[in-house]
Amino acid sequence: MSRPRVGLVWAEAEGGVIGRAGGMPWHVPEDLAHFKAVTHGAPVIMGRSTWDSLPPRFTPLPGRANIVVTRQHDWQAAGAERAGSVDEALELAGASAPDWIWVIGGAQIFAEVLGRADRLEITELRHDEGAFAPAPGDVLAPLVDATHFALVAADPSDGAHTSASGIRYRFLRYDRV
């Protein structure tokens, strides 16, 4: 039996912003649909702040085992499994022998798992006028190191789609080299 592959998935605005004040400072329905398509049926690992940022109607994320990394030993939530560390979360997620395990945030969890990741699924958000977020974000995506990851797919390959919300975006897939 081979080990599950590990992927990270996030949306980032210009400057690598992935969050601000405990949430995402944008709404791009197409990104949410992409996120669902990528992660559905696979275990997802997230930090406690990411869990807390999810709208209650989406907790737990349906069709996925939800594993939350927190140091709070007595933490529990309906539909979620607690892990005390990233290593424990990966072990729990791998117990059902999935093809993929998806890490969905936040920045600290991404940083801990990046060195073990096989794939990165990134939604790149753009604004024609320049900086996307009206105010600086307080959570940043990890930097993608071209010596470790190669861009293998971009949709669209040139330019960007325009969301129903008016935000321009494209989907990028990087695989470990």
Foldseek 3Di string as FASTA:
>chain_A
DDFAAEEEEAEAEPPQFGAAPLEGQDDFPVSVVVVCVVPAQAAEEEEPSVQVSDDPVCVPPPRYQYEYADCPPPDDDPRHHYDPDLVRVSVVRCPVPDNYYYYYDDAVSCVVCVVRHFKYKYKYKYDPVDGDRPDDHPGGHDDDDCQFKDWDDKVVPDFFDAGPRGITIMIIMIGTD
